[in-house]
Amino acid sequence: MRILCILIISVLFNSCNEKLKNEAKLTDDKNLLGNWYSVKNNHYFEYFFENSKMYVFSTSSLDLFEYDYYIKNDSIFNSILLPSGKNGEYKFHSIIIDNDGSRLKLSTRTLERMVDSTETIDKFLNEKIDYDDLKKRVLSRERKFSNLIKKE
């Protein structure tokens, strides 16, 4: 009986440990950092995540929004940077469902990692390109994805 109890406890401990490892993989900042894009309801967005900052370029408004963010458990919370330079209140943004480093599946949308793209948000932030170049490249990528969606 004692051996059975030890065996059951051991199995439960290992399964809990495995669950914690999977949750850590989902929310690992290294898997989140970098340039991403998403298409939702025929709207194209580009994202850039760095340490505690998230930037979102919306092709609908042609604006780049800056947020502070943090991850708690499996959820992203963000706070938009206000024109005054102060942060607004942190609010729930989305649940991280899966993150394998190339695809970030959130409860609200799926982001795909941008590979081999130039003139991305990080280049603008590091002053390697100006805002007009960023806007042109984002709109060009949006047209490319719009054409792919129409063909499907």
N, C-alpha and C. Protein backbone atom coordinates (compact mmCIF):
# COMPACT_ATOMS: atom_id res chain seq x y z
N MET A 1 0.82 -1.19 0.00
CA MET A 1 0.00 0.00 0.00
C MET A 1 0.87 1.26 0.00
N ARG A 2 1.93 1.25 0.78
CA ARG A 2 2.82 2.40 0.87
C ARG A 2 3.48 2.66 -0.48
N ILE A 3 3.88 1.60 -1.17
CA ILE A 3 4.52 1.74 -2.48
C ILE A 3 3.53 2.33 -3.48
N LEU A 4 2.28 1.92 -3.41
CA LEU A 4 1.25 2.46 -4.31
C LEU A 4 1.07 3.96 -4.07
N CYS A 5 1.02 4.38 -2.82
CA CYS A 5 0.89 5.80 -2.49
C CYS A 5 2.07 6.60 -3.03
N ILE A 6 3.27 6.07 -2.84
CA ILE A 6 4.47 6.75 -3.34
C ILE A 6 4.43 6.84 -4.85
N LEU A 7 4.00 5.81 -5.51
CA LEU A 7 3.90 5.79 -6.97
C LEU A 7 2.89 6.84 -7.45
N ILE A 8 1.74 6.90 -6.82
CA ILE A 8 0.70 7.88 -7.21
C ILE A 8 1.20 9.30 -7.00
N ILE A 9 1.83 9.56 -5.85
CA ILE A 9 2.36 10.90 -5.57
C ILE A 9 3.43 11.25 -6.60
N SER A 10 4.25 10.31 -6.95
CA SER A 10 5.31 10.54 -7.93
C SER A 10 4.72 10.90 -9.29
N VAL A 11 3.71 10.19 -9.72
CA VAL A 11 3.06 10.47 -11.01
C VAL A 11 2.42 11.85 -10.99
N LEU A 12 1.71 12.18 -9.92
CA LEU A 12 1.07 13.50 -9.81
C LEU A 12 2.11 14.61 -9.82
N PHE A 13 3.20 14.43 -9.10
CA PHE A 13 4.25 15.43 -9.05
C PHE A 13 4.84 15.66 -10.44
N ASN A 14 5.12 14.58 -11.16
CA ASN A 14 5.69 14.70 -12.51
C ASN A 14 4.73 15.39 -13.47
N SER A 15 3.44 15.09 -13.39
CA SER A 15 2.48 15.73 -14.29
C SER A 15 2.35 17.21 -13.98
N CYS A 16 2.37 17.59 -12.71
CA CYS A 16 2.33 19.01 -12.33
C CYS A 16 3.58 19.72 -12.81
N ASN A 17 4.72 19.07 -12.67
CA ASN A 17 5.98 19.65 -13.11
C ASN A 17 5.98 19.86 -14.62
N GLU A 18 5.44 18.91 -15.36
CA GLU A 18 5.35 19.03 -16.83
C GLU A 18 4.45 20.19 -17.21
N LYS A 19 3.33 20.36 -16.50
CA LYS A 19 2.41 21.46 -16.77
C LYS A 19 3.11 22.80 -16.54
N LEU A 20 3.88 22.92 -15.47
CA LEU A 20 4.62 24.15 -15.20
C LEU A 20 5.64 24.44 -16.29
N LYS A 21 6.32 23.40 -16.79
CA LYS A 21 7.28 23.59 -17.88
C LYS A 21 6.58 24.12 -19.13
N ASN A 22 5.41 23.56 -19.46
CA ASN A 22 4.67 24.01 -20.64
C ASN A 22 4.22 25.45 -20.48
N GLU A 23 3.73 25.82 -19.29
CA GLU A 23 3.31 27.20 -19.06
C GLU A 23 4.49 28.15 -19.17
N ALA A 24 5.65 27.75 -18.69
CA ALA A 24 6.85 28.58 -18.79
C ALA A 24 7.23 28.79 -20.26
N LYS A 25 7.09 27.75 -21.09
CA LYS A 25 7.39 27.86 -22.51
C LYS A 25 6.45 28.86 -23.19
N LEU A 26 5.17 28.82 -22.82
CA LEU A 26 4.18 29.72 -23.42
C LEU A 26 4.50 31.18 -23.14
N THR A 27 4.93 31.46 -21.93
CA THR A 27 5.10 32.84 -21.51
C THR A 27 6.55 33.29 -21.49
N ASP A 28 7.45 32.50 -22.02
CA ASP A 28 8.87 32.86 -22.06
C ASP A 28 9.04 34.09 -22.94
N ASP A 29 9.57 35.16 -22.36
CA ASP A 29 9.75 36.40 -23.11
C ASP A 29 10.60 36.21 -24.36
N LYS A 30 11.57 35.29 -24.33
CA LYS A 30 12.43 35.09 -25.50
C LYS A 30 11.62 34.61 -26.69
N ASN A 31 10.56 33.84 -26.44
CA ASN A 31 9.70 33.39 -27.53
C ASN A 31 8.77 34.50 -28.02
N LEU A 32 8.64 35.55 -27.25
CA LEU A 32 7.71 36.63 -27.58
C LEU A 32 8.40 37.80 -28.27
N LEU A 33 9.67 38.03 -27.96
CA LEU A 33 10.38 39.20 -28.47
C LEU A 33 10.51 39.16 -29.98
N GLY A 34 10.41 40.34 -30.61
CA GLY A 34 10.62 40.44 -32.05
C GLY A 34 9.39 40.96 -32.79
N ASN A 35 9.46 40.83 -34.12
CA ASN A 35 8.42 41.34 -35.02
C ASN A 35 7.42 40.25 -35.38
N TRP A 36 6.15 40.62 -35.36
CA TRP A 36 5.05 39.71 -35.65
C TRP A 36 4.03 40.42 -36.54
N TYR A 37 3.15 39.64 -37.16
CA TYR A 37 2.02 40.23 -37.90
C TYR A 37 0.79 39.36 -37.65
N SER A 38 -0.35 39.96 -37.89
CA SER A 38 -1.60 39.19 -37.84
C SER A 38 -2.59 39.79 -38.81
N VAL A 39 -3.47 38.93 -39.28
CA VAL A 39 -4.59 39.36 -40.11
C VAL A 39 -5.85 38.86 -39.41
N LYS A 40 -6.72 39.79 -39.07
CA LYS A 40 -7.97 39.41 -38.41
C LYS A 40 -9.09 40.25 -39.01
N ASN A 41 -10.13 39.57 -39.43
CA ASN A 41 -11.27 40.25 -40.05
C ASN A 41 -10.82 41.18 -41.19
N ASN A 42 -9.92 40.68 -42.02
CA ASN A 42 -9.37 41.42 -43.16
C ASN A 42 -8.62 42.69 -42.76
N HIS A 43 -8.17 42.80 -41.52
CA HIS A 43 -7.34 43.92 -41.07
C HIS A 43 -5.97 43.40 -40.72
N TYR A 44 -4.96 44.09 -41.22
CA TYR A 44 -3.57 43.68 -41.06
C TYR A 44 -2.92 44.53 -39.96
N PHE A 45 -2.19 43.87 -39.05
CA PHE A 45 -1.49 44.54 -37.97
C PHE A 45 -0.07 44.00 -37.90
N GLU A 46 0.86 44.86 -37.52
CA GLU A 46 2.22 44.42 -37.22
C GLU A 46 2.52 44.77 -35.77
N TYR A 47 3.30 43.89 -35.15
CA TYR A 47 3.62 44.02 -33.73
C TYR A 47 5.13 43.92 -33.54
N PHE A 48 5.61 44.58 -32.51
CA PHE A 48 6.99 44.40 -32.08
C PHE A 48 6.99 44.34 -30.56
N PHE A 49 7.54 43.24 -30.03
CA PHE A 49 7.66 43.06 -28.59
C PHE A 49 9.13 43.19 -28.20
N GLU A 50 9.39 43.99 -27.19
CA GLU A 50 10.70 44.01 -26.55
C GLU A 50 10.45 44.03 -25.05
N ASN A 51 11.44 43.67 -24.30
CA ASN A 51 11.33 43.53 -22.84
C ASN A 51 9.96 43.81 -22.26
N SER A 52 9.60 45.04 -21.98
CA SER A 52 8.30 45.34 -21.37
C SER A 52 7.45 46.23 -22.27
N LYS A 53 7.85 46.39 -23.53
CA LYS A 53 7.13 47.25 -24.47
C LYS A 53 6.53 46.41 -25.60
N MET A 54 5.33 46.82 -26.02
CA MET A 54 4.66 46.21 -27.17
C MET A 54 4.23 47.36 -28.08
N TYR A 55 4.58 47.26 -29.35
CA TYR A 55 4.20 48.28 -30.33
C TYR A 55 3.28 47.62 -31.35
N VAL A 56 2.24 48.34 -31.73
CA VAL A 56 1.27 47.81 -32.70
C VAL A 56 1.07 48.85 -33.79
N PHE A 57 1.30 48.43 -35.05
CA PHE A 57 1.03 49.31 -36.18
C PHE A 57 -0.28 48.86 -36.81
N SER A 58 -1.22 49.78 -36.87
CA SER A 58 -2.53 49.50 -37.46
C SER A 58 -2.60 50.11 -38.84
N THR A 59 -2.90 49.29 -39.84
CA THR A 59 -3.03 49.84 -41.20
C THR A 59 -4.36 50.56 -41.37
N SER A 60 -5.29 50.34 -40.48
CA SER A 60 -6.57 51.06 -40.55
C SER A 60 -6.37 52.54 -40.25
N SER A 61 -5.58 52.83 -39.22
CA SER A 61 -5.38 54.22 -38.81
C SER A 61 -4.01 54.76 -39.22
N LEU A 62 -3.12 53.88 -39.68
CA LEU A 62 -1.74 54.22 -40.02
C LEU A 62 -1.00 54.82 -38.82
N ASP A 63 -1.33 54.31 -37.64
CA ASP A 63 -0.70 54.76 -36.41
C ASP A 63 0.09 53.64 -35.77
N LEU A 64 1.12 54.03 -35.05
CA LEU A 64 1.92 53.11 -34.26
C LEU A 64 1.61 53.38 -32.80
N PHE A 65 1.08 52.38 -32.12
CA PHE A 65 0.70 52.51 -30.72
C PHE A 65 1.76 51.85 -29.85
N GLU A 66 2.06 52.48 -28.73
CA GLU A 66 3.05 51.95 -27.79
C GLU A 66 2.36 51.56 -26.49
N TYR A 67 2.66 50.36 -26.03
CA TYR A 67 2.09 49.85 -24.78
C TYR A 67 3.20 49.34 -23.89
N ASP A 68 3.00 49.44 -22.60
CA ASP A 68 3.78 48.65 -21.66
C ASP A 68 2.99 47.37 -21.46
N TYR A 69 3.67 46.26 -21.25
CA TYR A 69 2.95 45.01 -21.03
C TYR A 69 3.67 44.17 -19.99
N TYR A 70 2.94 43.25 -19.42
CA TYR A 70 3.54 42.22 -18.59
C TYR A 70 2.71 40.96 -18.74
N ILE A 71 3.34 39.83 -18.41
CA ILE A 71 2.67 38.54 -18.50
C ILE A 71 2.50 38.00 -17.08
N LYS A 72 1.30 37.58 -16.79
CA LYS A 72 1.03 36.93 -15.50
C LYS A 72 0.33 35.62 -15.81
N ASN A 73 0.94 34.53 -15.34
CA ASN A 73 0.45 33.19 -15.65
C ASN A 73 0.39 33.03 -17.16
N ASP A 74 -0.79 32.87 -17.74
CA ASP A 74 -0.90 32.70 -19.20
C ASP A 74 -1.56 33.90 -19.86
N SER A 75 -1.57 35.05 -19.20
CA SER A 75 -2.29 36.23 -19.72
C SER A 75 -1.35 37.41 -19.94
N ILE A 76 -1.67 38.17 -20.98
CA ILE A 76 -0.95 39.42 -21.26
C ILE A 76 -1.82 40.57 -20.78
N PHE A 77 -1.20 41.49 -20.06
CA PHE A 77 -1.86 42.72 -19.62
C PHE A 77 -1.08 43.87 -20.23
N ASN A 78 -1.79 44.90 -20.70
CA ASN A 78 -1.06 46.03 -21.28
C ASN A 78 -1.66 47.36 -20.84
N SER A 79 -0.86 48.38 -21.04
CA SER A 79 -1.23 49.73 -20.69
C SER A 79 -0.72 50.63 -21.80
N ILE A 80 -1.62 51.37 -22.43
CA ILE A 80 -1.20 52.23 -23.54
C ILE A 80 -0.43 53.43 -22.99
N LEU A 81 0.58 53.84 -23.73
CA LEU A 81 1.33 55.04 -23.37
C LEU A 81 0.52 56.24 -23.83
N LEU A 82 0.14 57.08 -22.90
CA LEU A 82 -0.70 58.24 -23.18
C LEU A 82 0.14 59.37 -23.77
N PRO A 83 -0.50 60.30 -24.51
CA PRO A 83 0.26 61.43 -25.09
C PRO A 83 1.06 62.21 -24.05
N SER A 84 0.61 62.21 -22.80
CA SER A 84 1.33 62.92 -21.74
C SER A 84 2.62 62.22 -21.36
N GLY A 85 2.85 61.03 -21.91
CA GLY A 85 4.03 60.26 -21.57
C GLY A 85 3.80 59.33 -20.40
N LYS A 86 2.63 59.40 -19.79
CA LYS A 86 2.31 58.53 -18.66
C LYS A 86 1.55 57.32 -19.17
N ASN A 87 1.61 56.25 -18.40
CA ASN A 87 0.87 55.04 -18.75
C ASN A 87 -0.54 55.11 -18.23
N GLY A 88 -1.43 54.52 -18.99
CA GLY A 88 -2.79 54.34 -18.52
C GLY A 88 -2.83 53.15 -17.59
N GLU A 89 -4.01 52.74 -17.25
CA GLU A 89 -4.19 51.60 -16.36
C GLU A 89 -3.92 50.30 -17.12
N TYR A 90 -3.28 49.32 -16.46
CA TYR A 90 -3.06 48.02 -17.08
C TYR A 90 -4.39 47.29 -17.18
N LYS A 91 -4.64 46.73 -18.37
CA LYS A 91 -5.87 45.97 -18.60
C LYS A 91 -5.53 44.64 -19.24
N PHE A 92 -6.40 43.68 -19.02
CA PHE A 92 -6.25 42.37 -19.64
C PHE A 92 -6.27 42.53 -21.15
N HIS A 93 -5.32 41.88 -21.82
CA HIS A 93 -5.25 41.95 -23.28
C HIS A 93 -5.68 40.63 -23.92
N SER A 94 -5.07 39.53 -23.48
CA SER A 94 -5.37 38.25 -24.12
C SER A 94 -4.75 37.10 -23.33
N ILE A 95 -5.27 35.92 -23.58
CA ILE A 95 -4.69 34.70 -23.01
C ILE A 95 -3.76 34.08 -24.04
N ILE A 96 -2.58 33.66 -23.59
CA ILE A 96 -1.64 32.97 -24.47
C ILE A 96 -2.03 31.50 -24.48
N ILE A 97 -2.45 31.02 -25.65
CA ILE A 97 -2.86 29.63 -25.79
C ILE A 97 -1.68 28.76 -26.19
N ASP A 98 -0.87 29.24 -27.13
CA ASP A 98 0.29 28.48 -27.58
C ASP A 98 1.32 29.45 -28.12
N ASN A 99 2.60 29.12 -27.93
CA ASN A 99 3.68 29.94 -28.44
C ASN A 99 4.87 29.03 -28.72
N ASP A 100 5.10 28.76 -30.00
CA ASP A 100 6.24 27.90 -30.35
C ASP A 100 7.41 28.70 -30.89
N GLY A 101 7.34 30.02 -30.79
CA GLY A 101 8.42 30.87 -31.27
C GLY A 101 8.20 31.40 -32.68
N SER A 102 7.39 30.71 -33.46
CA SER A 102 7.09 31.20 -34.81
C SER A 102 5.61 31.53 -34.98
N ARG A 103 4.78 30.99 -34.12
CA ARG A 103 3.34 31.29 -34.12
C ARG A 103 2.91 31.50 -32.67
N LEU A 104 2.26 32.64 -32.44
CA LEU A 104 1.77 32.99 -31.11
C LEU A 104 0.25 32.99 -31.17
N LYS A 105 -0.35 31.95 -30.60
CA LYS A 105 -1.81 31.83 -30.63
C LYS A 105 -2.36 32.43 -29.34
N LEU A 106 -3.11 33.51 -29.50
CA LEU A 106 -3.76 34.18 -28.39
C LEU A 106 -5.25 33.88 -28.44
N SER A 107 -5.95 34.17 -27.38
CA SER A 107 -7.39 33.93 -27.37
C SER A 107 -8.12 34.86 -28.33
N THR A 108 -7.50 35.98 -28.70
CA THR A 108 -8.16 36.96 -29.56
C THR A 108 -7.69 36.94 -31.00
N ARG A 109 -6.50 36.40 -31.26
CA ARG A 109 -5.94 36.37 -32.62
C ARG A 109 -4.71 35.50 -32.63
N THR A 110 -4.19 35.23 -33.81
CA THR A 110 -2.94 34.49 -33.96
C THR A 110 -1.92 35.39 -34.63
N LEU A 111 -0.73 35.46 -34.05
CA LEU A 111 0.35 36.24 -34.62
C LEU A 111 1.38 35.30 -35.23
N GLU A 112 1.92 35.70 -36.37
CA GLU A 112 2.97 34.94 -37.04
C GLU A 112 4.26 35.75 -36.97
N ARG A 113 5.37 35.06 -36.67
CA ARG A 113 6.65 35.76 -36.60
C ARG A 113 7.05 36.22 -37.99
N MET A 114 7.55 37.45 -38.08
CA MET A 114 8.04 37.97 -39.36
C MET A 114 9.48 37.50 -39.54
N VAL A 115 9.73 36.88 -40.68
CA VAL A 115 11.06 36.37 -40.98
C VAL A 115 11.53 37.05 -42.26
N ASP A 116 12.77 37.44 -42.28
CA ASP A 116 13.38 38.05 -43.48
C ASP A 116 12.67 39.31 -43.94
N SER A 117 12.09 40.06 -43.01
CA SER A 117 11.45 41.33 -43.38
C SER A 117 12.39 42.47 -43.02
N THR A 118 12.36 43.48 -43.86
CA THR A 118 13.13 44.69 -43.59
C THR A 118 12.15 45.82 -43.35
N GLU A 119 12.66 46.94 -42.90
CA GLU A 119 11.82 48.09 -42.60
C GLU A 119 10.65 47.71 -41.68
N THR A 120 11.00 47.12 -40.56
CA THR A 120 10.01 46.70 -39.56
C THR A 120 9.99 47.71 -38.40
N ILE A 121 9.08 47.51 -37.48
CA ILE A 121 8.90 48.45 -36.37
C ILE A 121 10.20 48.65 -35.60
N ASP A 122 10.94 47.58 -35.35
CA ASP A 122 12.18 47.73 -34.59
C ASP A 122 13.19 48.61 -35.31
N LYS A 123 13.22 48.54 -36.64
CA LYS A 123 14.13 49.41 -37.41
C LYS A 123 13.74 50.88 -37.24
N PHE A 124 12.45 51.15 -37.22
CA PHE A 124 11.98 52.51 -36.98
C PHE A 124 12.36 52.97 -35.58
N LEU A 125 12.14 52.12 -34.59
CA LEU A 125 12.44 52.50 -33.21
C LEU A 125 13.93 52.75 -33.00
N ASN A 126 14.77 52.02 -33.76
CA ASN A 126 16.22 52.21 -33.67
C ASN A 126 16.73 53.25 -34.65
N GLU A 127 15.80 54.00 -35.25
CA GLU A 127 16.10 55.11 -36.16
C GLU A 127 16.91 54.70 -37.38
N LYS A 128 16.69 53.48 -37.86
CA LYS A 128 17.33 53.02 -39.08
C LYS A 128 16.48 53.39 -40.31
N ILE A 129 15.19 53.58 -40.08
CA ILE A 129 14.28 54.04 -41.14
C ILE A 129 13.37 55.11 -40.54
N ASP A 130 12.76 55.92 -41.40
CA ASP A 130 11.83 56.93 -40.89
C ASP A 130 10.39 56.40 -40.95
N TYR A 131 9.49 57.18 -40.41
CA TYR A 131 8.10 56.73 -40.29
C TYR A 131 7.46 56.48 -41.67
N ASP A 132 7.78 57.31 -42.65
CA ASP A 132 7.21 57.12 -43.99
C ASP A 132 7.66 55.80 -44.60
N ASP A 133 8.94 55.44 -44.40
CA ASP A 133 9.44 54.15 -44.90
C ASP A 133 8.72 53.00 -44.21
N LEU A 134 8.55 53.10 -42.90
CA LEU A 134 7.84 52.06 -42.15
C LEU A 134 6.43 51.91 -42.70
N LYS A 135 5.75 53.01 -42.85
CA LYS A 135 4.36 52.99 -43.33
C LYS A 135 4.27 52.35 -44.72
N LYS A 136 5.17 52.73 -45.63
CA LYS A 136 5.17 52.17 -46.98
C LYS A 136 5.36 50.66 -46.96
N ARG A 137 6.33 50.20 -46.16
CA ARG A 137 6.62 48.76 -46.09
C ARG A 137 5.48 47.97 -45.46
N VAL A 138 4.89 48.53 -44.41
CA VAL A 138 3.77 47.84 -43.77
C VAL A 138 2.60 47.73 -44.74
N LEU A 139 2.30 48.82 -45.43
CA LEU A 139 1.20 48.79 -46.41
C LEU A 139 1.50 47.84 -47.56
N SER A 140 2.76 47.76 -47.97
CA SER A 140 3.15 46.82 -49.01
C SER A 140 2.93 45.38 -48.55
N ARG A 141 3.33 45.08 -47.31
CA ARG A 141 3.10 43.73 -46.79
C ARG A 141 1.61 43.45 -46.63
N GLU A 142 0.85 44.46 -46.24
CA GLU A 142 -0.60 44.28 -46.11
C GLU A 142 -1.21 43.91 -47.47
N ARG A 143 -0.81 44.61 -48.53
CA ARG A 143 -1.32 44.30 -49.88
C ARG A 143 -0.97 42.87 -50.28
N LYS A 144 0.25 42.46 -49.97
CA LYS A 144 0.67 41.10 -50.30
C LYS A 144 -0.23 40.08 -49.60
N PHE A 145 -0.50 40.28 -48.32
CA PHE A 145 -1.34 39.35 -47.59
C PHE A 145 -2.80 39.45 -48.02
N SER A 146 -3.26 40.63 -48.38
CA SER A 146 -4.62 40.79 -48.89
C SER A 146 -4.81 40.00 -50.17
N ASN A 147 -3.80 40.03 -51.05
CA ASN A 147 -3.87 39.26 -52.29
C ASN A 147 -3.90 37.76 -52.01
N LEU A 148 -3.13 37.33 -51.02
CA LEU A 148 -3.14 35.90 -50.66
C LEU A 148 -4.50 35.49 -50.12
N ILE A 149 -5.11 36.33 -49.32
CA ILE A 149 -6.42 36.03 -48.73
C ILE A 149 -7.47 35.94 -49.83
N LYS A 150 -7.42 36.86 -50.80
CA LYS A 150 -8.39 36.87 -51.89
C LYS A 150 -8.30 35.61 -52.75
N LYS A 151 -7.06 35.08 -52.91
CA LYS A 151 -6.86 33.90 -53.74
C LYS A 151 -7.41 32.64 -53.07
N GLU A 152 -7.49 32.63 -51.74
CA GLU A 152 -7.93 31.42 -51.03
C GLU A 152 -9.40 31.17 -51.19
